[in-house]
Amino acid sequence: MDDSLQKILLVDDSKVMRRILASFFKKMGYENVAEASSVKKALVILGNQEIDLVVSDYSMPGANGLDLLRSIRTDPDLCDVMFVMVTAEAQLCQILAAFREGAQHYITKPFTYHYLEYVVKRALMS
């Protein structure tokens, strides 16, 4: 599939982080990027749009990225959506929890543009 046609959802409570990620995706050639500042808003977008990849922060107020991942994996209409966790949380128990719930990749901050590009290409090829 043409990268520019794939739809990506960025979920992070930090507007700055969403802007950074959105600029990286634009540089990679992805034109269809939606943003959500919370799990609740992300679930609304997921219910209304076809999304190919979710890139979510782990730590957010209220529901976190792991809660979002669980919601996606238990929804028959969303269970096949690719999921990448991007976070400063590097504790082994959190990484394992994300993979147990079905994340394809887990990126710890700080990360480089090239590493994000590598991970995203791998996730979307799965």
N, C-alpha and C. Protein backbone atom coordinates (compact mmCIF):
# COMPACT_ATOMS: atom_id res chain seq x y z
N MET A 1 0.83 -1.18 0.00
CA MET A 1 0.00 0.00 0.00
C MET A 1 0.87 1.24 0.00
N ASP A 2 0.47 2.26 -0.71
CA ASP A 2 1.15 3.55 -0.74
C ASP A 2 1.16 4.15 0.66
N ASP A 3 2.36 4.49 1.17
CA ASP A 3 2.47 5.04 2.52
C ASP A 3 1.56 6.24 2.73
N SER A 4 1.42 7.09 1.72
CA SER A 4 0.64 8.31 1.90
C SER A 4 -0.84 8.00 2.13
N LEU A 5 -1.30 6.80 1.80
CA LEU A 5 -2.70 6.44 1.98
C LEU A 5 -2.99 5.80 3.34
N GLN A 6 -1.95 5.37 4.04
CA GLN A 6 -2.16 4.72 5.32
C GLN A 6 -2.51 5.77 6.38
N LYS A 7 -3.43 5.41 7.26
CA LYS A 7 -3.94 6.33 8.27
C LYS A 7 -3.31 6.01 9.62
N ILE A 8 -2.72 7.03 10.23
CA ILE A 8 -2.03 6.87 11.51
C ILE A 8 -2.72 7.73 12.55
N LEU A 9 -2.86 7.19 13.76
CA LEU A 9 -3.42 7.93 14.88
C LEU A 9 -2.34 8.11 15.94
N LEU A 10 -2.04 9.37 16.27
CA LEU A 10 -1.09 9.70 17.33
C LEU A 10 -1.88 10.01 18.60
N VAL A 11 -1.52 9.35 19.69
CA VAL A 11 -2.22 9.57 20.96
C VAL A 11 -1.20 9.94 22.02
N ASP A 12 -1.28 11.18 22.48
CA ASP A 12 -0.35 11.67 23.50
C ASP A 12 -0.99 12.89 24.15
N ASP A 13 -0.90 12.99 25.46
CA ASP A 13 -1.47 14.15 26.14
C ASP A 13 -0.62 15.40 25.92
N SER A 14 0.61 15.25 25.47
CA SER A 14 1.50 16.38 25.20
C SER A 14 1.33 16.87 23.76
N LYS A 15 0.87 18.09 23.62
CA LYS A 15 0.71 18.67 22.29
C LYS A 15 2.05 18.78 21.58
N VAL A 16 3.10 19.09 22.32
CA VAL A 16 4.44 19.20 21.75
C VAL A 16 4.88 17.86 21.17
N MET A 17 4.65 16.78 21.92
CA MET A 17 5.05 15.46 21.43
C MET A 17 4.24 15.06 20.20
N ARG A 18 2.95 15.38 20.20
CA ARG A 18 2.13 15.08 19.01
C ARG A 18 2.65 15.85 17.80
N ARG A 19 3.05 17.09 18.00
CA ARG A 19 3.58 17.90 16.89
C ARG A 19 4.89 17.32 16.36
N ILE A 20 5.75 16.89 17.27
CA ILE A 20 7.02 16.29 16.85
C ILE A 20 6.75 15.02 16.05
N LEU A 21 5.90 14.16 16.58
CA LEU A 21 5.59 12.91 15.87
C LEU A 21 4.92 13.20 14.53
N ALA A 22 3.98 14.14 14.50
CA ALA A 22 3.30 14.48 13.25
C ALA A 22 4.29 14.98 12.21
N SER A 23 5.27 15.79 12.63
CA SER A 23 6.27 16.28 11.67
C SER A 23 7.15 15.14 11.16
N PHE A 24 7.47 14.18 12.04
CA PHE A 24 8.24 13.01 11.60
C PHE A 24 7.46 12.21 10.56
N PHE A 25 6.17 11.99 10.83
CA PHE A 25 5.36 11.21 9.89
C PHE A 25 5.21 11.93 8.56
N LYS A 26 5.07 13.23 8.61
CA LYS A 26 4.98 14.00 7.36
C LYS A 26 6.28 13.85 6.56
N LYS A 27 7.41 13.93 7.25
CA LYS A 27 8.72 13.76 6.61
C LYS A 27 8.85 12.35 6.00
N MET A 28 8.22 11.34 6.64
CA MET A 28 8.26 9.97 6.14
C MET A 28 7.33 9.76 4.95
N GLY A 29 6.45 10.73 4.69
CA GLY A 29 5.54 10.61 3.57
C GLY A 29 4.12 10.22 3.93
N TYR A 30 3.82 10.13 5.21
CA TYR A 30 2.47 9.79 5.64
C TYR A 30 1.64 11.07 5.70
N GLU A 31 0.58 11.12 4.92
CA GLU A 31 -0.24 12.33 4.82
C GLU A 31 -1.49 12.27 5.69
N ASN A 32 -1.93 11.09 6.05
CA ASN A 32 -3.17 10.91 6.81
C ASN A 32 -2.84 10.61 8.28
N VAL A 33 -2.66 11.67 9.05
CA VAL A 33 -2.30 11.52 10.46
C VAL A 33 -3.35 12.25 11.31
N ALA A 34 -4.01 11.50 12.17
CA ALA A 34 -4.97 12.07 13.11
C ALA A 34 -4.30 12.14 14.48
N GLU A 35 -4.80 13.03 15.32
CA GLU A 35 -4.23 13.21 16.65
C GLU A 35 -5.31 13.18 17.71
N ALA A 36 -4.96 12.61 18.87
CA ALA A 36 -5.85 12.59 20.02
C ALA A 36 -5.03 12.88 21.27
N SER A 37 -5.60 13.67 22.16
CA SER A 37 -4.89 14.04 23.39
C SER A 37 -5.24 13.14 24.57
N SER A 38 -6.14 12.17 24.34
CA SER A 38 -6.52 11.25 25.42
C SER A 38 -7.02 9.94 24.82
N VAL A 39 -7.09 8.94 25.67
CA VAL A 39 -7.61 7.64 25.24
C VAL A 39 -9.06 7.78 24.81
N LYS A 40 -9.83 8.55 25.55
CA LYS A 40 -11.25 8.75 25.22
C LYS A 40 -11.40 9.33 23.81
N LYS A 41 -10.62 10.34 23.49
CA LYS A 41 -10.68 10.95 22.16
C LYS A 41 -10.18 9.98 21.10
N ALA A 42 -9.17 9.19 21.43
CA ALA A 42 -8.64 8.21 20.49
C ALA A 42 -9.71 7.17 20.14
N LEU A 43 -10.46 6.72 21.12
CA LEU A 43 -11.49 5.72 20.87
C LEU A 43 -12.61 6.27 20.00
N VAL A 44 -12.91 7.55 20.13
CA VAL A 44 -13.90 8.18 19.25
C VAL A 44 -13.40 8.17 17.81
N ILE A 45 -12.14 8.56 17.62
CA ILE A 45 -11.56 8.56 16.27
C ILE A 45 -11.54 7.15 15.71
N LEU A 46 -11.13 6.18 16.51
CA LEU A 46 -11.08 4.78 16.06
C LEU A 46 -12.46 4.26 15.69
N GLY A 47 -13.50 4.77 16.34
CA GLY A 47 -14.85 4.36 16.03
C GLY A 47 -15.40 4.99 14.76
N ASN A 48 -14.78 6.09 14.34
CA ASN A 48 -15.30 6.84 13.18
C ASN A 48 -14.43 6.76 11.93
N GLN A 49 -13.20 6.32 12.07
CA GLN A 49 -12.27 6.30 10.94
C GLN A 49 -11.54 4.96 10.90
N GLU A 50 -11.15 4.57 9.70
CA GLU A 50 -10.33 3.37 9.58
C GLU A 50 -8.88 3.77 9.81
N ILE A 51 -8.27 3.19 10.83
CA ILE A 51 -6.90 3.52 11.21
C ILE A 51 -6.02 2.29 10.97
N ASP A 52 -4.85 2.50 10.37
CA ASP A 52 -3.91 1.41 10.11
C ASP A 52 -2.92 1.22 11.25
N LEU A 53 -2.56 2.32 11.93
CA LEU A 53 -1.52 2.26 12.97
C LEU A 53 -1.84 3.27 14.06
N VAL A 54 -1.77 2.82 15.31
CA VAL A 54 -1.87 3.71 16.46
C VAL A 54 -0.48 3.82 17.08
N VAL A 55 -0.06 5.05 17.29
CA VAL A 55 1.20 5.33 18.00
C VAL A 55 0.79 6.09 19.25
N SER A 56 0.97 5.44 20.41
CA SER A 56 0.43 5.99 21.65
C SER A 56 1.48 6.10 22.74
N ASP A 57 1.36 7.17 23.50
CA ASP A 57 2.13 7.33 24.73
C ASP A 57 1.61 6.32 25.76
N TYR A 58 2.46 5.89 26.65
CA TYR A 58 2.05 4.97 27.71
C TYR A 58 1.38 5.74 28.84
N SER A 59 2.06 6.78 29.33
CA SER A 59 1.59 7.51 30.51
C SER A 59 0.78 8.74 30.12
N MET A 60 -0.51 8.69 30.45
CA MET A 60 -1.40 9.83 30.23
C MET A 60 -2.34 9.90 31.43
N PRO A 61 -2.84 11.09 31.73
CA PRO A 61 -3.79 11.19 32.85
C PRO A 61 -5.06 10.41 32.55
N GLY A 62 -5.65 9.86 33.57
CA GLY A 62 -6.86 9.04 33.37
C GLY A 62 -6.46 7.71 32.79
N ALA A 63 -7.09 7.34 31.69
CA ALA A 63 -6.74 6.09 31.00
C ALA A 63 -5.39 6.26 30.32
N ASN A 64 -4.58 5.20 30.33
CA ASN A 64 -3.24 5.29 29.73
C ASN A 64 -3.17 4.49 28.42
N GLY A 65 -1.99 4.47 27.83
CA GLY A 65 -1.79 3.78 26.56
C GLY A 65 -2.08 2.29 26.64
N LEU A 66 -1.81 1.69 27.78
CA LEU A 66 -2.10 0.26 27.95
C LEU A 66 -3.62 0.03 27.96
N ASP A 67 -4.36 0.95 28.56
CA ASP A 67 -5.82 0.86 28.54
C ASP A 67 -6.34 0.97 27.11
N LEU A 68 -5.76 1.87 26.34
CA LEU A 68 -6.14 2.02 24.93
C LEU A 68 -5.85 0.74 24.17
N LEU A 69 -4.68 0.19 24.36
CA LEU A 69 -4.30 -1.05 23.69
C LEU A 69 -5.27 -2.17 24.03
N ARG A 70 -5.63 -2.30 25.29
CA ARG A 70 -6.59 -3.34 25.70
C ARG A 70 -7.94 -3.14 25.01
N SER A 71 -8.39 -1.89 24.94
CA SER A 71 -9.67 -1.60 24.29
C SER A 71 -9.64 -1.98 22.82
N ILE A 72 -8.52 -1.69 22.17
CA ILE A 72 -8.37 -2.01 20.75
C ILE A 72 -8.36 -3.53 20.55
N ARG A 73 -7.60 -4.24 21.35
CA ARG A 73 -7.46 -5.69 21.17
C ARG A 73 -8.73 -6.46 21.50
N THR A 74 -9.61 -5.89 22.32
CA THR A 74 -10.85 -6.60 22.66
C THR A 74 -12.02 -6.21 21.76
N ASP A 75 -11.81 -5.25 20.86
CA ASP A 75 -12.86 -4.83 19.94
C ASP A 75 -12.69 -5.58 18.62
N PRO A 76 -13.67 -6.39 18.22
CA PRO A 76 -13.53 -7.18 16.99
C PRO A 76 -13.29 -6.32 15.74
N ASP A 77 -13.76 -5.08 15.74
CA ASP A 77 -13.56 -4.21 14.58
C ASP A 77 -12.18 -3.56 14.57
N LEU A 78 -11.49 -3.57 15.70
CA LEU A 78 -10.20 -2.88 15.81
C LEU A 78 -9.03 -3.80 16.12
N CYS A 79 -9.30 -5.04 16.44
CA CYS A 79 -8.26 -5.92 16.99
C CYS A 79 -7.04 -6.11 16.08
N ASP A 80 -7.18 -5.83 14.79
CA ASP A 80 -6.04 -6.01 13.88
C ASP A 80 -5.25 -4.72 13.63
N VAL A 81 -5.63 -3.63 14.28
CA VAL A 81 -4.91 -2.37 14.11
C VAL A 81 -3.51 -2.51 14.70
N MET A 82 -2.51 -2.09 13.96
CA MET A 82 -1.12 -2.14 14.44
C MET A 82 -0.96 -1.10 15.56
N PHE A 83 -0.12 -1.41 16.56
CA PHE A 83 0.02 -0.55 17.73
C PHE A 83 1.48 -0.43 18.12
N VAL A 84 1.94 0.82 18.26
CA VAL A 84 3.30 1.11 18.72
C VAL A 84 3.19 1.99 19.96
N MET A 85 3.80 1.55 21.05
CA MET A 85 3.85 2.34 22.27
C MET A 85 5.12 3.19 22.23
N VAL A 86 4.97 4.49 22.47
CA VAL A 86 6.10 5.41 22.51
C VAL A 86 6.06 6.10 23.86
N THR A 87 7.11 5.91 24.66
CA THR A 87 7.04 6.40 26.03
C THR A 87 8.40 6.54 26.70
N ALA A 88 8.41 7.29 27.77
CA ALA A 88 9.62 7.41 28.59
C ALA A 88 9.68 6.27 29.61
N GLU A 89 8.61 5.50 29.71
CA GLU A 89 8.54 4.40 30.67
C GLU A 89 9.35 3.21 30.14
N ALA A 90 10.45 2.90 30.81
CA ALA A 90 11.31 1.82 30.32
C ALA A 90 11.43 0.68 31.33
N GLN A 91 10.48 0.59 32.25
CA GLN A 91 10.53 -0.49 33.21
C GLN A 91 10.10 -1.79 32.53
N LEU A 92 10.82 -2.85 32.82
CA LEU A 92 10.58 -4.13 32.17
C LEU A 92 9.13 -4.59 32.32
N CYS A 93 8.53 -4.39 33.49
CA CYS A 93 7.14 -4.85 33.68
C CYS A 93 6.18 -4.11 32.75
N GLN A 94 6.43 -2.84 32.46
CA GLN A 94 5.56 -2.08 31.56
C GLN A 94 5.77 -2.51 30.11
N ILE A 95 7.01 -2.76 29.75
CA ILE A 95 7.30 -3.22 28.40
C ILE A 95 6.63 -4.58 28.16
N LEU A 96 6.80 -5.49 29.10
CA LEU A 96 6.20 -6.81 28.97
C LEU A 96 4.67 -6.73 28.93
N ALA A 97 4.08 -5.86 29.73
CA ALA A 97 2.63 -5.70 29.73
C ALA A 97 2.14 -5.24 28.36
N ALA A 98 2.86 -4.31 27.75
CA ALA A 98 2.46 -3.82 26.43
C ALA A 98 2.53 -4.94 25.39
N PHE A 99 3.58 -5.72 25.42
CA PHE A 99 3.69 -6.82 24.45
C PHE A 99 2.65 -7.91 24.73
N ARG A 100 2.38 -8.19 26.01
CA ARG A 100 1.35 -9.19 26.35
C ARG A 100 -0.02 -8.78 25.85
N GLU A 101 -0.28 -7.48 25.85
CA GLU A 101 -1.58 -6.97 25.40
C GLU A 101 -1.67 -6.84 23.88
N GLY A 102 -0.54 -7.01 23.19
CA GLY A 102 -0.59 -7.03 21.74
C GLY A 102 0.08 -5.89 21.01
N ALA A 103 0.93 -5.12 21.68
CA ALA A 103 1.68 -4.08 20.97
C ALA A 103 2.68 -4.73 20.03
N GLN A 104 2.84 -4.15 18.84
CA GLN A 104 3.83 -4.68 17.91
C GLN A 104 5.24 -4.19 18.27
N HIS A 105 5.33 -2.97 18.78
CA HIS A 105 6.63 -2.38 19.12
C HIS A 105 6.50 -1.47 20.32
N TYR A 106 7.63 -1.20 20.96
CA TYR A 106 7.70 -0.35 22.15
C TYR A 106 8.94 0.52 21.99
N ILE A 107 8.74 1.81 21.85
CA ILE A 107 9.85 2.75 21.66
C ILE A 107 9.99 3.60 22.91
N THR A 108 11.21 3.68 23.45
CA THR A 108 11.45 4.53 24.61
C THR A 108 12.03 5.87 24.17
N LYS A 109 11.60 6.92 24.86
CA LYS A 109 12.10 8.27 24.62
C LYS A 109 13.41 8.42 25.38
N PRO A 110 14.35 9.14 24.85
CA PRO A 110 14.33 9.80 23.53
C PRO A 110 14.61 8.79 22.42
N PHE A 111 14.15 9.10 21.23
CA PHE A 111 14.37 8.24 20.08
C PHE A 111 14.70 9.15 18.89
N THR A 112 15.24 8.54 17.85
CA THR A 112 15.58 9.31 16.65
C THR A 112 14.51 9.15 15.59
N TYR A 113 14.50 10.06 14.67
CA TYR A 113 13.60 9.99 13.52
C TYR A 113 13.80 8.67 12.78
N HIS A 114 15.06 8.29 12.55
CA HIS A 114 15.35 7.09 11.77
C HIS A 114 14.88 5.82 12.48
N TYR A 115 15.00 5.79 13.80
CA TYR A 115 14.52 4.62 14.52
C TYR A 115 13.00 4.54 14.46
N LEU A 116 12.33 5.66 14.63
CA LEU A 116 10.87 5.67 14.52
C LEU A 116 10.45 5.22 13.12
N GLU A 117 11.11 5.70 12.11
CA GLU A 117 10.79 5.31 10.74
C GLU A 117 10.94 3.80 10.56
N TYR A 118 12.02 3.25 11.07
CA TYR A 118 12.26 1.80 10.99
C TYR A 118 11.13 1.02 11.67
N VAL A 119 10.76 1.42 12.87
CA VAL A 119 9.73 0.72 13.64
C VAL A 119 8.39 0.82 12.93
N VAL A 120 8.04 2.00 12.44
CA VAL A 120 6.76 2.20 11.78
C VAL A 120 6.67 1.35 10.51
N LYS A 121 7.72 1.33 9.73
CA LYS A 121 7.71 0.52 8.50
C LYS A 121 7.53 -0.95 8.84
N ARG A 122 8.22 -1.42 9.87
CA ARG A 122 8.07 -2.82 10.29
C ARG A 122 6.66 -3.12 10.77
N ALA A 123 6.09 -2.21 11.56
CA ALA A 123 4.73 -2.42 12.07
C ALA A 123 3.71 -2.46 10.94
N LEU A 124 3.84 -1.58 9.99
CA LEU A 124 2.87 -1.52 8.90
C LEU A 124 3.04 -2.66 7.90
N MET A 125 4.21 -3.30 7.91
CA MET A 125 4.44 -4.44 7.01
C MET A 125 3.92 -5.74 7.63
N SER A 126 3.62 -5.72 8.92
CA SER A 126 3.18 -6.93 9.64
C SER A 126 1.85 -7.42 9.11
